[in-house]
Amino acid sequence: MSISLEQIKHLAHLSRLEFSEEELKEMQGDMGKILEFVAQIDALDLEGVEPLTQMSESTDVMRDDQAQGMLPKEEALKNAPDANSDYFRVPKFGKKV
């Protein structure tokens, strides 16, 4: 299956991407390879094959969170470069509204 240069340009526009003519041609080749691969998968008989939702059989291998050995507030703030009685102070960042 092939994809036209106009289709690549349209996809780039929708994705808000800008490519040079050379990059567009390279992208056209890459997209063509992807579509060929998908066509190979589409040609397979997958009747009765369940979709893969997990890469392994294991489920929820995480332990339950348990709060223990917490630092007292004073100890946690002791080495802070700037703090008030309750919180770490950090510089403001981002746009001003």
PDB file of N, CA and C in Angstrom:
ATOM      1  N   MET A   1       0.853  -1.176   0.000  1.00  0.00           N
ATOM      2  CA  MET A   1       0.000   0.000   0.000  1.00  0.00           C
ATOM      3  C   MET A   1       0.893   1.232   0.000  1.00  0.00           C
ATOM      4  N   SER A   2       0.496   2.234  -0.728  1.00  0.00           N
ATOM      5  CA  SER A   2       1.308   3.439  -0.786  1.00  0.00           C
ATOM      6  C   SER A   2       0.511   4.625  -0.256  1.00  0.00           C
ATOM      7  N   ILE A   3       1.235   5.647   0.064  1.00  0.00           N
ATOM      8  CA  ILE A   3       0.627   6.878   0.566  1.00  0.00           C
ATOM      9  C   ILE A   3       1.212   8.027  -0.247  1.00  0.00           C
ATOM     10  N   SER A   4       0.345   8.922  -0.656  1.00  0.00           N
ATOM     11  CA  SER A   4       0.807  10.015  -1.514  1.00  0.00           C
ATOM     12  C   SER A   4       1.484  11.110  -0.699  1.00  0.00           C
ATOM     13  N   LEU A   5       2.242  11.919  -1.391  1.00  0.00           N
ATOM     14  CA  LEU A   5       2.912  13.052  -0.753  1.00  0.00           C
ATOM     15  C   LEU A   5       1.880  14.046  -0.223  1.00  0.00           C
ATOM     16  N   GLU A   6       0.761  14.182  -0.934  1.00  0.00           N
ATOM     17  CA  GLU A   6      -0.303  15.083  -0.475  1.00  0.00           C
ATOM     18  C   GLU A   6      -0.913  14.584   0.829  1.00  0.00           C
ATOM     19  N   GLN A   7      -1.064  13.276   0.965  1.00  0.00           N
ATOM     20  CA  GLN A   7      -1.589  12.722   2.217  1.00  0.00           C
ATOM     21  C   GLN A   7      -0.620  12.970   3.368  1.00  0.00           C
ATOM     22  N   ILE A   8       0.676  12.838   3.104  1.00  0.00           N
ATOM     23  CA  ILE A   8       1.695  13.118   4.131  1.00  0.00           C
ATOM     24  C   ILE A   8       1.624  14.583   4.538  1.00  0.00           C
ATOM     25  N   LYS A   9       1.505  15.473   3.565  1.00  0.00           N
ATOM     26  CA  LYS A   9       1.407  16.909   3.871  1.00  0.00           C
ATOM     27  C   LYS A   9       0.157  17.196   4.702  1.00  0.00           C
ATOM     28  N   HIS A  10      -0.946  16.524   4.361  1.00  0.00           N
ATOM     29  CA  HIS A  10      -2.195  16.718   5.114  1.00  0.00           C
ATOM     30  C   HIS A  10      -2.036  16.230   6.558  1.00  0.00           C
ATOM     31  N   LEU A  11      -1.430  15.045   6.736  1.00  0.00           N
ATOM     32  CA  LEU A  11      -1.193  14.529   8.089  1.00  0.00           C
ATOM     33  C   LEU A  11      -0.269  15.457   8.877  1.00  0.00           C
ATOM     34  N   ALA A  12       0.756  15.980   8.217  1.00  0.00           N
ATOM     35  CA  ALA A  12       1.675  16.907   8.886  1.00  0.00           C
ATOM     36  C   ALA A  12       0.932  18.163   9.326  1.00  0.00           C
ATOM     37  N   HIS A  13       0.055  18.659   8.452  1.00  0.00           N
ATOM     38  CA  HIS A  13      -0.729  19.852   8.798  1.00  0.00           C
ATOM     39  C   HIS A  13      -1.629  19.578  10.004  1.00  0.00           C
ATOM     40  N   LEU A  14      -2.320  18.437   9.989  1.00  0.00           N
ATOM     41  CA  LEU A  14      -3.200  18.086  11.109  1.00  0.00           C
ATOM     42  C   LEU A  14      -2.414  17.923  12.401  1.00  0.00           C
ATOM     43  N   SER A  15      -1.171  17.450  12.297  1.00  0.00           N
ATOM     44  CA  SER A  15      -0.331  17.230  13.474  1.00  0.00           C
ATOM     45  C   SER A  15       0.449  18.472  13.869  1.00  0.00           C
ATOM     46  N   ARG A  16       0.268  19.531  13.110  1.00  0.00           N
ATOM     47  CA  ARG A  16       0.992  20.792  13.346  1.00  0.00           C
ATOM     48  C   ARG A  16       2.508  20.575  13.296  1.00  0.00           C
ATOM     49  N   LEU A  17       2.934  19.792  12.287  1.00  0.00           N
ATOM     50  CA  LEU A  17       4.351  19.531  12.074  1.00  0.00           C
ATOM     51  C   LEU A  17       4.787  20.170  10.761  1.00  0.00           C
ATOM     52  N   GLU A  18       6.024  20.615  10.719  1.00  0.00           N
ATOM     53  CA  GLU A  18       6.573  21.187   9.495  1.00  0.00           C
ATOM     54  C   GLU A  18       7.761  20.346   9.054  1.00  0.00           C
ATOM     55  N   PHE A  19       7.774  19.975   7.768  1.00  0.00           N
ATOM     56  CA  PHE A  19       8.842  19.170   7.206  1.00  0.00           C
ATOM     57  C   PHE A  19       9.365  19.822   5.942  1.00  0.00           C
ATOM     58  N   SER A  20      10.651  19.650   5.682  1.00  0.00           N
ATOM     59  CA  SER A  20      11.215  20.072   4.401  1.00  0.00           C
ATOM     60  C   SER A  20      10.773  19.061   3.347  1.00  0.00           C
ATOM     61  N   GLU A  21      10.981  19.376   2.065  1.00  0.00           N
ATOM     62  CA  GLU A  21      10.599  18.447   0.993  1.00  0.00           C
ATOM     63  C   GLU A  21      11.318  17.109   1.145  1.00  0.00           C
ATOM     64  N   GLU A  22      12.592  17.165   1.530  1.00  0.00           N
ATOM     65  CA  GLU A  22      13.364  15.929   1.732  1.00  0.00           C
ATOM     66  C   GLU A  22      12.774  15.102   2.878  1.00  0.00           C
ATOM     67  N   GLU A  23      12.418  15.772   3.968  1.00  0.00           N
ATOM     68  CA  GLU A  23      11.825  15.073   5.110  1.00  0.00           C
ATOM     69  C   GLU A  23      10.457  14.496   4.760  1.00  0.00           C
ATOM     70  N   LEU A  24       9.694  15.211   3.928  1.00  0.00           N
ATOM     71  CA  LEU A  24       8.391  14.705   3.502  1.00  0.00           C
ATOM     72  C   LEU A  24       8.539  13.413   2.712  1.00  0.00           C
ATOM     73  N   LYS A  25       9.520  13.361   1.820  1.00  0.00           N
ATOM     74  CA  LYS A  25       9.748  12.155   1.025  1.00  0.00           C
ATOM     75  C   LYS A  25      10.213  11.003   1.909  1.00  0.00           C
ATOM     76  N   GLU A  26      11.060  11.316   2.902  1.00  0.00           N
ATOM     77  CA  GLU A  26      11.507  10.284   3.844  1.00  0.00           C
ATOM     78  C   GLU A  26      10.320   9.778   4.672  1.00  0.00           C
ATOM     79  N   MET A  27       9.465  10.693   5.103  1.00  0.00           N
ATOM     80  CA  MET A  27       8.278  10.330   5.871  1.00  0.00           C
ATOM     81  C   MET A  27       7.338   9.485   5.026  1.00  0.00           C
ATOM     82  N   GLN A  28       7.236   9.808   3.732  1.00  0.00           N
ATOM     83  CA  GLN A  28       6.385   9.041   2.824  1.00  0.00           C
ATOM     84  C   GLN A  28       6.875   7.594   2.749  1.00  0.00           C
ATOM     85  N   GLY A  29       8.177   7.391   2.670  1.00  0.00           N
ATOM     86  CA  GLY A  29       8.740   6.039   2.649  1.00  0.00           C
ATOM     87  C   GLY A  29       8.469   5.301   3.953  1.00  0.00           C
ATOM     88  N   ASP A  30       8.672   5.981   5.070  1.00  0.00           N
ATOM     89  CA  ASP A  30       8.439   5.363   6.382  1.00  0.00           C
ATOM     90  C   ASP A  30       6.965   4.987   6.565  1.00  0.00           C
ATOM     91  N   MET A  31       6.073   5.893   6.183  1.00  0.00           N
ATOM     92  CA  MET A  31       4.641   5.610   6.317  1.00  0.00           C
ATOM     93  C   MET A  31       4.230   4.455   5.408  1.00  0.00           C
ATOM     94  N   GLY A  32       4.835   4.386   4.227  1.00  0.00           N
ATOM     95  CA  GLY A  32       4.554   3.275   3.318  1.00  0.00           C
ATOM     96  C   GLY A  32       4.940   1.948   3.941  1.00  0.00           C
ATOM     97  N   LYS A  33       6.099   1.907   4.608  1.00  0.00           N
ATOM     98  CA  LYS A  33       6.547   0.679   5.282  1.00  0.00           C
ATOM     99  C   LYS A  33       5.586   0.293   6.411  1.00  0.00           C
ATOM    100  N   ILE A  34       5.134   1.282   7.153  1.00  0.00           N
ATOM    101  CA  ILE A  34       4.190   1.019   8.251  1.00  0.00           C
ATOM    102  C   ILE A  34       2.895   0.442   7.695  1.00  0.00           C
ATOM    103  N   LEU A  35       2.383   1.037   6.618  1.00  0.00           N
ATOM    104  CA  LEU A  35       1.136   0.559   6.028  1.00  0.00           C
ATOM    105  C   LEU A  35       1.292  -0.848   5.453  1.00  0.00           C
ATOM    106  N   GLU A  36       2.462  -1.157   4.885  1.00  0.00           N
ATOM    107  CA  GLU A  36       2.716  -2.513   4.385  1.00  0.00           C
ATOM    108  C   GLU A  36       2.698  -3.515   5.531  1.00  0.00           C
ATOM    109  N   PHE A  37       3.293  -3.145   6.659  1.00  0.00           N
ATOM    110  CA  PHE A  37       3.305  -4.027   7.820  1.00  0.00           C
ATOM    111  C   PHE A  37       1.887  -4.266   8.330  1.00  0.00           C
ATOM    112  N   VAL A  38       1.091  -3.208   8.414  1.00  0.00           N
ATOM    113  CA  VAL A  38      -0.290  -3.334   8.870  1.00  0.00           C
ATOM    114  C   VAL A  38      -1.081  -4.213   7.896  1.00  0.00           C
ATOM    115  N   ALA A  39      -0.812  -4.083   6.605  1.00  0.00           N
ATOM    116  CA  ALA A  39      -1.503  -4.916   5.612  1.00  0.00           C
ATOM    117  C   ALA A  39      -1.157  -6.386   5.815  1.00  0.00           C
ATOM    118  N   GLN A  40       0.084  -6.689   6.193  1.00  0.00           N
ATOM    119  CA  GLN A  40       0.478  -8.078   6.473  1.00  0.00           C
ATOM    120  C   GLN A  40      -0.319  -8.625   7.657  1.00  0.00           C
ATOM    121  N   ILE A  41      -0.463  -7.829   8.682  1.00  0.00           N
ATOM    122  CA  ILE A  41      -1.228  -8.251   9.856  1.00  0.00           C
ATOM    123  C   ILE A  41      -2.698  -8.424   9.472  1.00  0.00           C
ATOM    124  N   ASP A  42      -3.215  -7.518   8.659  1.00  0.00           N
ATOM    125  CA  ASP A  42      -4.605  -7.573   8.239  1.00  0.00           C
ATOM    126  C   ASP A  42      -4.896  -8.837   7.427  1.00  0.00           C
ATOM    127  N   ALA A  43      -3.881  -9.352   6.737  1.00  0.00           N
ATOM    128  CA  ALA A  43      -4.072 -10.551   5.915  1.00  0.00           C
ATOM    129  C   ALA A  43      -4.103 -11.829   6.745  1.00  0.00           C
ATOM    130  N   LEU A  44      -3.684 -11.792   7.989  1.00  0.00           N
ATOM    131  CA  LEU A  44      -3.661 -12.984   8.839  1.00  0.00           C
ATOM    132  C   LEU A  44      -5.072 -13.384   9.269  1.00  0.00           C
ATOM    133  N   ASP A  45      -5.270 -14.678   9.463  1.00  0.00           N
ATOM    134  CA  ASP A  45      -6.537 -15.177   9.997  1.00  0.00           C
ATOM    135  C   ASP A  45      -6.448 -15.107  11.525  1.00  0.00           C
ATOM    136  N   LEU A  46      -7.128 -14.150  12.102  1.00  0.00           N
ATOM    137  CA  LEU A  46      -7.069 -13.937  13.550  1.00  0.00           C
ATOM    138  C   LEU A  46      -8.377 -14.319  14.232  1.00  0.00           C
ATOM    139  N   GLU A  47      -9.152 -15.146  13.576  1.00  0.00           N
ATOM    140  CA  GLU A  47     -10.424 -15.596  14.148  1.00  0.00           C
ATOM    141  C   GLU A  47     -10.169 -16.332  15.460  1.00  0.00           C
ATOM    142  N   GLY A  48     -10.830 -15.903  16.531  1.00  0.00           N
ATOM    143  CA  GLY A  48     -10.696 -16.552  17.830  1.00  0.00           C
ATOM    144  C   GLY A  48      -9.488 -16.120  18.642  1.00  0.00           C
ATOM    145  N   VAL A  49      -8.669 -15.222  18.117  1.00  0.00           N
ATOM    146  CA  VAL A  49      -7.499 -14.734  18.859  1.00  0.00           C
ATOM    147  C   VAL A  49      -7.939 -13.544  19.705  1.00  0.00           C
ATOM    148  N   GLU A  50      -7.743 -13.658  21.013  1.00  0.00           N
ATOM    149  CA  GLU A  50      -8.113 -12.582  21.920  1.00  0.00           C
ATOM    150  C   GLU A  50      -7.125 -11.423  21.813  1.00  0.00           C
ATOM    151  N   PRO A  51      -7.600 -10.190  21.902  1.00  0.00           N
ATOM    152  CA  PRO A  51      -6.688  -9.045  21.879  1.00  0.00           C
ATOM    153  C   PRO A  51      -5.743  -9.074  23.084  1.00  0.00           C
ATOM    154  N   LEU A  52      -4.517  -8.649  22.885  1.00  0.00           N
ATOM    155  CA  LEU A  52      -3.529  -8.583  23.959  1.00  0.00           C
ATOM    156  C   LEU A  52      -3.719  -7.279  24.714  1.00  0.00           C
ATOM    157  N   THR A  53      -3.995  -7.385  25.987  1.00  0.00           N
ATOM    158  CA  THR A  53      -4.171  -6.176  26.792  1.00  0.00           C
ATOM    159  C   THR A  53      -3.020  -5.962  27.763  1.00  0.00           C
ATOM    160  N   GLN A  54      -2.276  -7.015  28.082  1.00  0.00           N
ATOM    161  CA  GLN A  54      -1.129  -6.919  28.990  1.00  0.00           C
ATOM    162  C   GLN A  54       0.031  -7.701  28.389  1.00  0.00           C
ATOM    163  N   MET A  55       1.243  -7.249  28.652  1.00  0.00           N
ATOM    164  CA  MET A  55       2.411  -7.936  28.115  1.00  0.00           C
ATOM    165  C   MET A  55       2.820  -9.134  28.969  1.00  0.00           C
ATOM    166  N   SER A  56       2.294  -9.228  30.169  1.00  0.00           N
ATOM    167  CA  SER A  56       2.635 -10.361  31.025  1.00  0.00           C
ATOM    168  C   SER A  56       1.389 -10.827  31.767  1.00  0.00           C
ATOM    169  N   GLU A  57       1.483 -11.990  32.354  1.00  0.00           N
ATOM    170  CA  GLU A  57       0.349 -12.561  33.084  1.00  0.00           C
ATOM    171  C   GLU A  57       0.208 -11.987  34.489  1.00  0.00           C
ATOM    172  N   SER A  58       1.265 -11.359  35.012  1.00  0.00           N
ATOM    173  CA  SER A  58       1.228 -10.866  36.386  1.00  0.00           C
ATOM    174  C   SER A  58       0.270  -9.683  36.507  1.00  0.00           C
ATOM    175  N   THR A  59      -0.373  -9.610  37.656  1.00  0.00           N
ATOM    176  CA  THR A  59      -1.294  -8.516  37.917  1.00  0.00           C
ATOM    177  C   THR A  59      -1.001  -7.933  39.286  1.00  0.00           C
ATOM    178  N   ASP A  60      -1.034  -6.645  39.371  1.00  0.00           N
ATOM    179  CA  ASP A  60      -0.882  -5.903  40.619  1.00  0.00           C
ATOM    180  C   ASP A  60       0.211  -6.482  41.518  1.00  0.00           C
ATOM    181  N   VAL A  61       1.451  -6.334  41.071  1.00  0.00           N
ATOM    182  CA  VAL A  61       2.568  -6.845  41.857  1.00  0.00           C
ATOM    183  C   VAL A  61       3.055  -5.812  42.876  1.00  0.00           C
ATOM    184  N   MET A  62       2.329  -4.706  42.983  1.00  0.00           N
ATOM    185  CA  MET A  62       2.725  -3.668  43.928  1.00  0.00           C
ATOM    186  C   MET A  62       2.187  -3.990  45.323  1.00  0.00           C
ATOM    187  N   ARG A  63       2.939  -3.636  46.317  1.00  0.00           N
ATOM    188  CA  ARG A  63       2.492  -3.840  47.691  1.00  0.00           C
ATOM    189  C   ARG A  63       1.570  -2.702  48.100  1.00  0.00           C
ATOM    190  N   ASP A  64       0.793  -2.914  49.109  1.00  0.00           N
ATOM    191  CA  ASP A  64      -0.052  -1.858  49.642  1.00  0.00           C
ATOM    192  C   ASP A  64       0.823  -0.831  50.330  1.00  0.00           C
ATOM    193  N   ASP A  65       0.502   0.434  50.147  1.00  0.00           N
ATOM    194  CA  ASP A  65       1.236   1.502  50.826  1.00  0.00           C
ATOM    195  C   ASP A  65       0.921   1.472  52.311  1.00  0.00           C
ATOM    196  N   GLN A  66       1.981   1.620  53.101  1.00  0.00           N
ATOM    197  CA  GLN A  66       1.820   1.691  54.542  1.00  0.00           C
ATOM    198  C   GLN A  66       2.692   2.829  55.060  1.00  0.00           C
ATOM    199  N   ALA A  67       2.066   3.791  55.713  1.00  0.00           N
ATOM    200  CA  ALA A  67       2.824   4.903  56.278  1.00  0.00           C
ATOM    201  C   ALA A  67       3.579   4.411  57.496  1.00  0.00           C
ATOM    202  N   GLN A  68       4.893   4.638  57.474  1.00  0.00           N
ATOM    203  CA  GLN A  68       5.704   4.238  58.632  1.00  0.00           C
ATOM    204  C   GLN A  68       6.981   5.058  58.663  1.00  0.00           C
ATOM    205  N   GLY A  69       7.512   5.249  59.804  1.00  0.00           N
ATOM    206  CA  GLY A  69       8.781   5.966  59.972  1.00  0.00           C
ATOM    207  C   GLY A  69       8.778   7.369  59.415  1.00  0.00           C
ATOM    208  N   MET A  70       7.698   8.107  59.626  1.00  0.00           N
ATOM    209  CA  MET A  70       7.622   9.464  59.098  1.00  0.00           C
ATOM    210  C   MET A  70       8.526  10.399  59.893  1.00  0.00           C
ATOM    211  N   LEU A  71       9.126  11.351  59.189  1.00  0.00           N
ATOM    212  CA  LEU A  71       9.943  12.369  59.847  1.00  0.00           C
ATOM    213  C   LEU A  71       9.050  13.402  60.512  1.00  0.00           C
ATOM    214  N   PRO A  72       9.458  13.878  61.671  1.00  0.00           N
ATOM    215  CA  PRO A  72       8.730  15.016  62.249  1.00  0.00           C
ATOM    216  C   PRO A  72       8.906  16.236  61.337  1.00  0.00           C
ATOM    217  N   LYS A  73       7.930  17.120  61.314  1.00  0.00           N
ATOM    218  CA  LYS A  73       7.959  18.290  60.447  1.00  0.00           C
ATOM    219  C   LYS A  73       9.241  19.105  60.622  1.00  0.00           C
ATOM    220  N   GLU A  74       9.651  19.319  61.854  1.00  0.00           N
ATOM    221  CA  GLU A  74      10.853  20.115  62.128  1.00  0.00           C
ATOM    222  C   GLU A  74      12.094  19.471  61.516  1.00  0.00           C
ATOM    223  N   GLU A  75      12.182  18.144  61.597  1.00  0.00           N
ATOM    224  CA  GLU A  75      13.319  17.412  61.030  1.00  0.00           C
ATOM    225  C   GLU A  75      13.330  17.518  59.504  1.00  0.00           C
ATOM    226  N   ALA A  76      12.158  17.412  58.887  1.00  0.00           N
ATOM    227  CA  ALA A  76      12.067  17.483  57.429  1.00  0.00           C
ATOM    228  C   ALA A  76      12.438  18.868  56.917  1.00  0.00           C
ATOM    229  N   LEU A  77      12.071  19.919  57.632  1.00  0.00           N
ATOM    230  CA  LEU A  77      12.334  21.290  57.190  1.00  0.00           C
ATOM    231  C   LEU A  77      13.714  21.789  57.610  1.00  0.00           C
ATOM    232  N   LYS A  78      14.414  21.036  58.419  1.00  0.00           N
ATOM    233  CA  LYS A  78      15.692  21.473  58.988  1.00  0.00           C
ATOM    234  C   LYS A  78      16.710  21.860  57.913  1.00  0.00           C
ATOM    235  N   ASN A  79      16.845  21.097  56.861  1.00  0.00           N
ATOM    236  CA  ASN A  79      17.852  21.357  55.838  1.00  0.00           C
ATOM    237  C   ASN A  79      17.313  22.076  54.602  1.00  0.00           C
ATOM    238  N   ALA A  80      16.084  22.549  54.675  1.00  0.00           N
ATOM    239  CA  ALA A  80      15.498  23.266  53.541  1.00  0.00           C
ATOM    240  C   ALA A  80      16.194  24.609  53.370  1.00  0.00           C
ATOM    241  N   PRO A  81      16.505  25.010  52.127  1.00  0.00           N
ATOM    242  CA  PRO A  81      17.140  26.318  51.922  1.00  0.00           C
ATOM    243  C   PRO A  81      16.243  27.471  52.347  1.00  0.00           C
ATOM    244  N   ASP A  82      14.930  27.291  52.230  1.00  0.00           N
ATOM    245  CA  ASP A  82      13.996  28.330  52.642  1.00  0.00           C
ATOM    246  C   ASP A  82      12.701  27.648  53.062  1.00  0.00           C
ATOM    247  N   ALA A  83      12.223  27.964  54.244  1.00  0.00           N
ATOM    248  CA  ALA A  83      10.988  27.351  54.735  1.00  0.00           C
ATOM    249  C   ALA A  83      10.353  28.280  55.747  1.00  0.00           C
ATOM    250  N   ASN A  84       9.042  28.140  55.930  1.00  0.00           N
ATOM    251  CA  ASN A  84       8.413  28.814  57.052  1.00  0.00           C
ATOM    252  C   ASN A  84       8.114  27.729  58.082  1.00  0.00           C
ATOM    253  N   SER A  85       7.243  27.979  59.005  1.00  0.00           N
ATOM    254  CA  SER A  85       7.036  27.012  60.078  1.00  0.00           C
ATOM    255  C   SER A  85       6.375  25.721  59.605  1.00  0.00           C
ATOM    256  N   ASP A  86       5.700  25.737  58.463  1.00  0.00           N
ATOM    257  CA  ASP A  86       4.967  24.557  58.023  1.00  0.00           C
ATOM    258  C   ASP A  86       5.373  24.003  56.659  1.00  0.00           C
ATOM    259  N   TYR A  87       5.961  24.819  55.773  1.00  0.00           N
ATOM    260  CA  TYR A  87       6.151  24.412  54.389  1.00  0.00           C
ATOM    261  C   TYR A  87       7.538  24.757  53.859  1.00  0.00           C
ATOM    262  N   PHE A  88       7.939  24.006  52.807  1.00  0.00           N
ATOM    263  CA  PHE A  88       9.113  24.387  52.025  1.00  0.00           C
ATOM    264  C   PHE A  88       8.713  25.595  51.188  1.00  0.00           C
ATOM    265  N   ARG A  89       9.617  26.555  51.027  1.00  0.00           N
ATOM    266  CA  ARG A  89       9.360  27.694  50.147  1.00  0.00           C
ATOM    267  C   ARG A  89      10.178  27.488  48.875  1.00  0.00           C
ATOM    268  N   VAL A  90       9.522  27.685  47.753  1.00  0.00           N
ATOM    269  CA  VAL A  90      10.192  27.549  46.455  1.00  0.00           C
ATOM    270  C   VAL A  90       9.917  28.803  45.644  1.00  0.00           C
ATOM    271  N   PRO A  91      10.797  29.117  44.691  1.00  0.00           N
ATOM    272  CA  PRO A  91      10.556  30.310  43.882  1.00  0.00           C
ATOM    273  C   PRO A  91       9.319  30.120  42.991  1.00  0.00           C
ATOM    274  N   LYS A  92       8.663  31.214  42.684  1.00  0.00           N
ATOM    275  CA  LYS A  92       7.517  31.177  41.767  1.00  0.00           C
ATOM    276  C   LYS A  92       8.026  30.852  40.366  1.00  0.00           C
ATOM    277  N   PHE A  93       7.207  30.184  39.586  1.00  0.00           N
ATOM    278  CA  PHE A  93       7.570  29.894  38.208  1.00  0.00           C
ATOM    279  C   PHE A  93       6.334  29.933  37.341  1.00  0.00           C
ATOM    280  N   GLY A  94       6.521  29.984  36.043  1.00  0.00           N
ATOM    281  CA  GLY A  94       5.402  30.016  35.115  1.00  0.00           C
ATOM    282  C   GLY A  94       5.001  31.430  34.763  1.00  0.00           C
ATOM    283  N   LYS A  95       3.961  31.518  33.949  1.00  0.00           N
ATOM    284  CA  LYS A  95       3.483  32.822  33.504  1.00  0.00           C
ATOM    285  C   LYS A  95       2.692  33.506  34.609  1.00  0.00           C
ATOM    286  N   LYS A  96       2.802  34.809  34.617  1.00  0.00           N
ATOM    287  CA  LYS A  96       1.977  35.589  35.543  1.00  0.00           C
ATOM    288  C   LYS A  96       0.645  35.839  34.881  1.00  0.00           C
ATOM    289  N   VAL A  97      -0.404  35.694  35.632  1.00  0.00           N
ATOM    290  CA  VAL A  97      -1.753  35.872  35.076  1.00  0.00           C
ATOM    291  C   VAL A  97      -2.263  37.233  35.399  1.00  0.00           C
TER     292      VAL A  97
END
